[in-house]
PDB file of N, CA and C in Angstrom:
ATOM      1  N   UNK A   1     -40.549 -31.424 -16.167  1.00  0.00           N
ATOM      2  CA  UNK A   1     -39.202 -31.275 -16.671  1.00  0.00           C
ATOM      3  C   UNK A   1     -38.794 -29.802 -16.606  1.00  0.00           C
ATOM      4  N   UNK A   2     -38.364 -29.194 -17.714  1.00  0.00           N
ATOM      5  CA  UNK A   2     -37.951 -27.795 -17.719  1.00  0.00           C
ATOM      6  C   UNK A   2     -39.142 -26.884 -17.956  1.00  0.00           C
ATOM      7  N   UNK A   3     -38.904 -25.612 -17.721  1.00  0.00           N
ATOM      8  CA  UNK A   3     -39.971 -24.648 -17.975  1.00  0.00           C
ATOM      9  C   UNK A   3     -39.996 -24.306 -19.454  1.00  0.00           C
ATOM     10  N   UNK A   4     -41.172 -23.996 -19.944  1.00  0.00           N
ATOM     11  CA  UNK A   4     -41.316 -23.646 -21.357  1.00  0.00           C
ATOM     12  C   UNK A   4     -40.663 -22.293 -21.615  1.00  0.00           C
ATOM     13  N   UNK A   5     -40.053 -22.157 -22.783  1.00  0.00           N
ATOM     14  CA  UNK A   5     -39.431 -20.884 -23.145  1.00  0.00           C
ATOM     15  C   UNK A   5     -40.509 -19.849 -23.408  1.00  0.00           C
ATOM     16  N   UNK A   6     -40.219 -18.630 -23.012  1.00  0.00           N
ATOM     17  CA  UNK A   6     -41.128 -17.512 -23.266  1.00  0.00           C
ATOM     18  C   UNK A   6     -41.054 -17.139 -24.738  1.00  0.00           C
ATOM     19  N   UNK A   7     -42.193 -16.927 -25.392  1.00  0.00           N
ATOM     20  CA  UNK A   7     -42.138 -16.474 -26.794  1.00  0.00           C
ATOM     21  C   UNK A   7     -41.439 -15.112 -26.897  1.00  0.00           C
ATOM     22  N   UNK A   8     -40.815 -14.870 -28.017  1.00  0.00           N
ATOM     23  CA  UNK A   8     -40.076 -13.618 -28.227  1.00  0.00           C
ATOM     24  C   UNK A   8     -40.943 -12.397 -27.987  1.00  0.00           C
ATOM     25  N   UNK A   9     -42.190 -12.423 -28.461  1.00  0.00           N
ATOM     26  CA  UNK A   9     -43.055 -11.260 -28.299  1.00  0.00           C
ATOM     27  C   UNK A   9     -43.290 -10.946 -26.824  1.00  0.00           C
ATOM     28  N   UNK A  10     -43.327 -11.972 -25.968  1.00  0.00           N
ATOM     29  CA  UNK A  10     -43.494 -11.738 -24.531  1.00  0.00           C
ATOM     30  C   UNK A  10     -42.228 -11.144 -23.919  1.00  0.00           C
ATOM     31  N   UNK A  11     -41.082 -11.605 -24.391  1.00  0.00           N
ATOM     32  CA  UNK A  11     -39.813 -11.042 -23.905  1.00  0.00           C
ATOM     33  C   UNK A  11     -39.695  -9.575 -24.287  1.00  0.00           C
ATOM     34  N   UNK A  12     -40.066  -9.263 -25.529  1.00  0.00           N
ATOM     35  CA  UNK A  12     -39.998  -7.880 -25.998  1.00  0.00           C
ATOM     36  C   UNK A  12     -40.960  -7.014 -25.193  1.00  0.00           C
ATOM     37  N   UNK A  13     -42.168  -7.508 -24.970  1.00  0.00           N
ATOM     38  CA  UNK A  13     -43.164  -6.754 -24.201  1.00  0.00           C
ATOM     39  C   UNK A  13     -42.648  -6.475 -22.785  1.00  0.00           C
ATOM     40  N   UNK A  14     -42.071  -7.488 -22.152  1.00  0.00           N
ATOM     41  CA  UNK A  14     -41.531  -7.311 -20.794  1.00  0.00           C
ATOM     42  C   UNK A  14     -40.398  -6.292 -20.776  1.00  0.00           C
ATOM     43  N   UNK A  15     -39.536  -6.388 -21.764  1.00  0.00           N
ATOM     44  CA  UNK A  15     -38.410  -5.459 -21.859  1.00  0.00           C
ATOM     45  C   UNK A  15     -38.914  -4.033 -22.012  1.00  0.00           C
ATOM     46  N   UNK A  16     -39.885  -3.835 -22.884  1.00  0.00           N
ATOM     47  CA  UNK A  16     -40.439  -2.498 -23.094  1.00  0.00           C
ATOM     48  C   UNK A  16     -41.147  -1.976 -21.849  1.00  0.00           C
ATOM     49  N   UNK A  17     -41.829  -2.844 -21.146  1.00  0.00           N
ATOM     50  CA  UNK A  17     -42.492  -2.425 -19.902  1.00  0.00           C
ATOM     51  C   UNK A  17     -41.468  -1.959 -18.872  1.00  0.00           C
ATOM     52  N   UNK A  18     -40.332  -2.679 -18.780  1.00  0.00           N
ATOM     53  CA  UNK A  18     -39.278  -2.270 -17.845  1.00  0.00           C
ATOM     54  C   UNK A  18     -38.701  -0.909 -18.225  1.00  0.00           C
ATOM     55  N   UNK A  19     -38.489  -0.689 -19.512  1.00  0.00           N
ATOM     56  CA  UNK A  19     -37.969   0.597 -19.964  1.00  0.00           C
ATOM     57  C   UNK A  19     -38.962   1.724 -19.688  1.00  0.00           C
ATOM     58  N   UNK A  20     -40.239   1.473 -19.942  1.00  0.00           N
ATOM     59  CA  UNK A  20     -41.253   2.496 -19.659  1.00  0.00           C
ATOM     60  C   UNK A  20     -41.306   2.801 -18.168  1.00  0.00           C
ATOM     61  N   UNK A  21     -41.132   1.792 -17.341  1.00  0.00           N
ATOM     62  CA  UNK A  21     -41.127   1.987 -15.882  1.00  0.00           C
ATOM     63  C   UNK A  21     -39.949   2.868 -15.452  1.00  0.00           C
ATOM     64  N   UNK A  22     -38.907   2.917 -16.267  1.00  0.00           N
ATOM     65  CA  UNK A  22     -37.754   3.775 -15.990  1.00  0.00           C
ATOM     66  C   UNK A  22     -37.949   5.178 -16.548  1.00  0.00           C
ATOM     67  N   UNK A  23     -39.139   5.445 -17.093  1.00  0.00           N
ATOM     68  CA  UNK A  23     -39.423   6.775 -17.623  1.00  0.00           C
ATOM     69  C   UNK A  23     -39.010   6.961 -19.071  1.00  0.00           C
ATOM     70  N   UNK A  24     -38.709   5.883 -19.771  1.00  0.00           N
ATOM     71  CA  UNK A  24     -38.296   5.968 -21.173  1.00  0.00           C
ATOM     72  C   UNK A  24     -39.482   5.677 -22.079  1.00  0.00           C
ATOM     73  N   UNK A  25     -39.386   6.132 -23.318  1.00  0.00           N
ATOM     74  CA  UNK A  25     -40.414   5.823 -24.298  1.00  0.00           C
ATOM     75  C   UNK A  25     -39.754   5.494 -25.623  1.00  0.00           C
ATOM     76  N   UNK A  26     -40.371   4.627 -26.408  1.00  0.00           N
ATOM     77  CA  UNK A  26     -39.768   4.256 -27.689  1.00  0.00           C
ATOM     78  C   UNK A  26     -40.004   5.335 -28.739  1.00  0.00           C
ATOM     79  N   UNK A  27     -39.027   5.487 -29.611  1.00  0.00           N
ATOM     80  CA  UNK A  27     -39.181   6.361 -30.771  1.00  0.00           C
ATOM     81  C   UNK A  27     -38.623   5.621 -31.982  1.00  0.00           C
ATOM     82  N   UNK A  28     -39.035   6.045 -33.145  1.00  0.00           N
ATOM     83  CA  UNK A  28     -38.496   5.471 -34.381  1.00  0.00           C
ATOM     84  C   UNK A  28     -38.026   6.620 -35.242  1.00  0.00           C
ATOM     85  N   UNK A  29     -36.822   6.512 -35.758  1.00  0.00           N
ATOM     86  CA  UNK A  29     -36.307   7.535 -36.655  1.00  0.00           C
ATOM     87  C   UNK A  29     -35.806   6.872 -37.933  1.00  0.00           C
ATOM     88  N   UNK A  30     -35.874   7.613 -38.995  1.00  0.00           N
ATOM     89  CA  UNK A  30     -35.380   7.145 -40.279  1.00  0.00           C
ATOM     90  C   UNK A  30     -34.157   7.978 -40.637  1.00  0.00           C
ATOM     91  N   UNK A  31     -33.106   7.317 -41.008  1.00  0.00           N
ATOM     92  CA  UNK A  31     -31.856   7.989 -41.359  1.00  0.00           C
ATOM     93  C   UNK A  31     -31.410   7.522 -42.748  1.00  0.00           C
ATOM     94  N   UNK A  32     -30.587   8.321 -43.417  1.00  0.00           N
ATOM     95  CA  UNK A  32     -30.099   7.894 -44.731  1.00  0.00           C
ATOM     96  C   UNK A  32     -29.314   6.578 -44.637  1.00  0.00           C
ATOM     97  N   UNK A  33     -29.447   5.755 -45.651  1.00  0.00           N
ATOM     98  CA  UNK A  33     -28.703   4.500 -45.719  1.00  0.00           C
ATOM     99  C   UNK A  33     -27.312   4.808 -46.269  1.00  0.00           C
ATOM    100  N   UNK A  34     -26.343   4.900 -45.374  1.00  0.00           N
ATOM    101  CA  UNK A  34     -24.990   5.284 -45.781  1.00  0.00           C
ATOM    102  C   UNK A  34     -24.302   4.192 -46.600  1.00  0.00           C
ATOM    103  N   UNK A  35     -24.936   3.040 -46.723  1.00  0.00           N
ATOM    104  CA  UNK A  35     -24.365   1.961 -47.535  1.00  0.00           C
ATOM    105  C   UNK A  35     -24.787   2.045 -48.997  1.00  0.00           C
ATOM    106  N   UNK A  36     -25.769   2.906 -49.297  1.00  0.00           N
ATOM    107  CA  UNK A  36     -26.303   2.952 -50.665  1.00  0.00           C
ATOM    108  C   UNK A  36     -25.386   3.738 -51.604  1.00  0.00           C
ATOM    109  N   UNK A  37     -25.441   3.372 -52.861  1.00  0.00           N
ATOM    110  CA  UNK A  37     -24.669   4.063 -53.894  1.00  0.00           C
ATOM    111  C   UNK A  37     -25.135   5.514 -54.018  1.00  0.00           C
ATOM    112  N   UNK A  38     -26.442   5.735 -53.904  1.00  0.00           N
ATOM    113  CA  UNK A  38     -26.982   7.094 -54.016  1.00  0.00           C
ATOM    114  C   UNK A  38     -26.415   7.998 -52.919  1.00  0.00           C
ATOM    115  N   UNK A  39     -26.288   7.475 -51.723  1.00  0.00           N
ATOM    116  CA  UNK A  39     -25.728   8.259 -50.629  1.00  0.00           C
ATOM    117  C   UNK A  39     -24.279   8.638 -50.934  1.00  0.00           C
ATOM    118  N   UNK A  40     -23.504   7.675 -51.399  1.00  0.00           N
ATOM    119  CA  UNK A  40     -22.095   7.931 -51.705  1.00  0.00           C
ATOM    120  C   UNK A  40     -21.954   8.999 -52.787  1.00  0.00           C
ATOM    121  N   UNK A  41     -22.785   8.912 -53.815  1.00  0.00           N
ATOM    122  CA  UNK A  41     -22.731   9.894 -54.911  1.00  0.00           C
ATOM    123  C   UNK A  41     -23.070  11.285 -54.382  1.00  0.00           C
ATOM    124  N   UNK A  42     -24.119  11.391 -53.574  1.00  0.00           N
ATOM    125  CA  UNK A  42     -24.531  12.693 -53.049  1.00  0.00           C
ATOM    126  C   UNK A  42     -23.499  13.246 -52.060  1.00  0.00           C
ATOM    127  N   UNK A  43     -22.917  12.392 -51.242  1.00  0.00           N
ATOM    128  CA  UNK A  43     -21.887  12.840 -50.299  1.00  0.00           C
ATOM    129  C   UNK A  43     -20.677  13.388 -51.055  1.00  0.00           C
ATOM    130  N   UNK A  44     -20.267  12.697 -52.115  1.00  0.00           N
ATOM    131  CA  UNK A  44     -19.158  13.176 -52.937  1.00  0.00           C
ATOM    132  C   UNK A  44     -19.482  14.521 -53.577  1.00  0.00           C
ATOM    133  N   UNK A  45     -20.699  14.636 -54.102  1.00  0.00           N
ATOM    134  CA  UNK A  45     -21.114  15.883 -54.754  1.00  0.00           C
ATOM    135  C   UNK A  45     -21.056  17.048 -53.765  1.00  0.00           C
ATOM    136  N   UNK A  46     -21.603  16.847 -52.579  1.00  0.00           N
ATOM    137  CA  UNK A  46     -21.608  17.917 -51.584  1.00  0.00           C
ATOM    138  C   UNK A  46     -20.197  18.234 -51.094  1.00  0.00           C
ATOM    139  N   UNK A  47     -19.370  17.219 -50.947  1.00  0.00           N
ATOM    140  CA  UNK A  47     -17.984  17.448 -50.520  1.00  0.00           C
ATOM    141  C   UNK A  47     -17.222  18.288 -51.537  1.00  0.00           C
ATOM    142  N   UNK A  48     -17.429  17.984 -52.820  1.00  0.00           N
ATOM    143  CA  UNK A  48     -16.771  18.772 -53.870  1.00  0.00           C
ATOM    144  C   UNK A  48     -17.216  20.230 -53.827  1.00  0.00           C
ATOM    145  N   UNK A  49     -18.519  20.431 -53.655  1.00  0.00           N
ATOM    146  CA  UNK A  49     -19.044  21.802 -53.587  1.00  0.00           C
ATOM    147  C   UNK A  49     -18.425  22.576 -52.431  1.00  0.00           C
ATOM    148  N   UNK A  50     -18.337  21.945 -51.279  1.00  0.00           N
ATOM    149  CA  UNK A  50     -17.762  22.614 -50.106  1.00  0.00           C
ATOM    150  C   UNK A  50     -16.286  22.901 -50.337  1.00  0.00           C
ATOM    151  N   UNK A  51     -15.569  21.945 -50.901  1.00  0.00           N
ATOM    152  CA  UNK A  51     -14.127  22.146 -51.102  1.00  0.00           C
ATOM    153  C   UNK A  51     -13.822  23.229 -52.128  1.00  0.00           C
ATOM    154  N   UNK A  52     -14.755  23.487 -53.036  1.00  0.00           N
ATOM    155  CA  UNK A  52     -14.550  24.505 -54.063  1.00  0.00           C
ATOM    156  C   UNK A  52     -15.144  25.858 -53.687  1.00  0.00           C
ATOM    157  N   UNK A  53     -15.724  25.944 -52.521  1.00  0.00           N
ATOM    158  CA  UNK A  53     -16.367  27.185 -52.095  1.00  0.00           C
ATOM    159  C   UNK A  53     -15.331  28.263 -51.799  1.00  0.00           C
ATOM    160  N   UNK A  54     -15.613  29.495 -52.156  1.00  0.00           N
ATOM    161  CA  UNK A  54     -14.696  30.586 -51.812  1.00  0.00           C
ATOM    162  C   UNK A  54     -14.674  30.845 -50.300  1.00  0.00           C
ATOM    163  N   UNK A  55     -15.644  30.264 -49.591  1.00  0.00           N
ATOM    164  CA  UNK A  55     -15.716  30.456 -48.138  1.00  0.00           C
ATOM    165  C   UNK A  55     -15.224  29.229 -47.372  1.00  0.00           C
ATOM    166  N   UNK A  56     -14.492  28.333 -48.046  1.00  0.00           N
ATOM    167  CA  UNK A  56     -14.099  27.084 -47.397  1.00  0.00           C
ATOM    168  C   UNK A  56     -13.283  27.302 -46.129  1.00  0.00           C
ATOM    169  N   UNK A  57     -12.419  28.307 -46.100  1.00  0.00           N
ATOM    170  CA  UNK A  57     -11.608  28.583 -44.910  1.00  0.00           C
ATOM    171  C   UNK A  57     -12.493  29.028 -43.749  1.00  0.00           C
ATOM    172  N   UNK A  58     -13.439  29.923 -44.041  1.00  0.00           N
ATOM    173  CA  UNK A  58     -14.361  30.386 -43.005  1.00  0.00           C
ATOM    174  C   UNK A  58     -15.271  29.257 -42.531  1.00  0.00           C
ATOM    175  N   UNK A  59     -15.726  28.442 -43.475  1.00  0.00           N
ATOM    176  CA  UNK A  59     -16.585  27.315 -43.109  1.00  0.00           C
ATOM    177  C   UNK A  59     -15.849  26.359 -42.174  1.00  0.00           C
ATOM    178  N   UNK A  60     -14.605  26.034 -42.506  1.00  0.00           N
ATOM    179  CA  UNK A  60     -13.836  25.120 -41.675  1.00  0.00           C
ATOM    180  C   UNK A  60     -13.548  25.729 -40.310  1.00  0.00           C
ATOM    181  N   UNK A  61     -13.292  27.018 -40.272  1.00  0.00           N
ATOM    182  CA  UNK A  61     -13.059  27.691 -38.988  1.00  0.00           C
ATOM    183  C   UNK A  61     -14.291  27.585 -38.097  1.00  0.00           C
ATOM    184  N   UNK A  62     -15.470  27.748 -38.687  1.00  0.00           N
ATOM    185  CA  UNK A  62     -16.703  27.632 -37.913  1.00  0.00           C
ATOM    186  C   UNK A  62     -16.877  26.211 -37.390  1.00  0.00           C
ATOM    187  N   UNK A  63     -16.638  25.216 -38.256  1.00  0.00           N
ATOM    188  CA  UNK A  63     -16.754  23.814 -37.834  1.00  0.00           C
ATOM    189  C   UNK A  63     -15.793  23.539 -36.689  1.00  0.00           C
ATOM    190  N   UNK A  64     -14.558  24.008 -36.802  1.00  0.00           N
ATOM    191  CA  UNK A  64     -13.577  23.816 -35.734  1.00  0.00           C
ATOM    192  C   UNK A  64     -14.026  24.487 -34.441  1.00  0.00           C
ATOM    193  N   UNK A  65     -14.643  25.654 -34.547  1.00  0.00           N
ATOM    194  CA  UNK A  65     -15.056  26.403 -33.358  1.00  0.00           C
ATOM    195  C   UNK A  65     -16.193  25.717 -32.609  1.00  0.00           C
ATOM    196  N   UNK A  66     -17.075  25.040 -33.328  1.00  0.00           N
ATOM    197  CA  UNK A  66     -18.224  24.417 -32.664  1.00  0.00           C
ATOM    198  C   UNK A  66     -18.024  22.930 -32.381  1.00  0.00           C
ATOM    199  N   UNK A  67     -16.894  22.400 -32.788  1.00  0.00           N
ATOM    200  CA  UNK A  67     -16.631  20.972 -32.594  1.00  0.00           C
ATOM    201  C   UNK A  67     -16.022  20.704 -31.230  1.00  0.00           C
ATOM    202  N   UNK A  68     -16.367  19.543 -30.700  1.00  0.00           N
ATOM    203  CA  UNK A  68     -15.800  19.091 -29.437  1.00  0.00           C
ATOM    204  C   UNK A  68     -14.613  18.187 -29.765  1.00  0.00           C
ATOM    205  N   UNK A  69     -13.455  18.442 -29.165  1.00  0.00           N
ATOM    206  CA  UNK A  69     -12.303  17.574 -29.448  1.00  0.00           C
ATOM    207  C   UNK A  69     -12.588  16.112 -29.058  1.00  0.00           C
ATOM    208  N   UNK A  70     -12.275  15.203 -29.965  1.00  0.00           N
ATOM    209  CA  UNK A  70     -12.483  13.795 -29.683  1.00  0.00           C
ATOM    210  C   UNK A  70     -11.209  13.103 -29.197  1.00  0.00           C
ATOM    211  N   UNK A  71     -10.099  13.751 -29.416  1.00  0.00           N
ATOM    212  CA  UNK A  71      -8.827  13.155 -29.041  1.00  0.00           C
ATOM    213  C   UNK A  71      -8.273  13.928 -27.831  1.00  0.00           C
ATOM    214  N   UNK A  72      -7.652  13.214 -26.932  1.00  0.00           N
ATOM    215  CA  UNK A  72      -7.154  13.815 -25.706  1.00  0.00           C
ATOM    216  C   UNK A  72      -6.103  14.892 -25.955  1.00  0.00           C
ATOM    217  N   UNK A  73      -5.303  14.735 -27.017  1.00  0.00           N
ATOM    218  CA  UNK A  73      -4.230  15.709 -27.258  1.00  0.00           C
ATOM    219  C   UNK A  73      -4.727  16.960 -27.996  1.00  0.00           C
ATOM    220  N   UNK A  74      -6.003  16.990 -28.376  1.00  0.00           N
ATOM    221  CA  UNK A  74      -6.566  18.186 -29.026  1.00  0.00           C
ATOM    222  C   UNK A  74      -7.068  19.152 -27.975  1.00  0.00           C
ATOM    223  N   UNK A  75      -6.904  20.413 -28.209  1.00  0.00           N
ATOM    224  CA  UNK A  75      -7.456  21.413 -27.290  1.00  0.00           C
ATOM    225  C   UNK A  75      -7.829  22.654 -28.010  1.00  0.00           C
TER     226      UNK A  75
END
C-alpha cells in the first residue's frame, strides 16, 4: 500500500544534516521573556530612568546617529 511515515526524529535529523552540509551549525540562545510581568516592570523602570536623565538629548542623538533608517522616507 503506502509508504510508512518517517518518524519526526528522523525528519529532524535529516534536516539538520542538510543544514550542516550547507556549512551551518546549530546554536541555542536564551533571551528575556518579553511576555513576563517582570520584564514589563523592568522595561518601564529603565525607560523612566532614561527619560529623566540629564543626558537624554545626547543619548537620543547617539541612538539616532547609530541607527539604520527602517522607513524609506527617513534619511
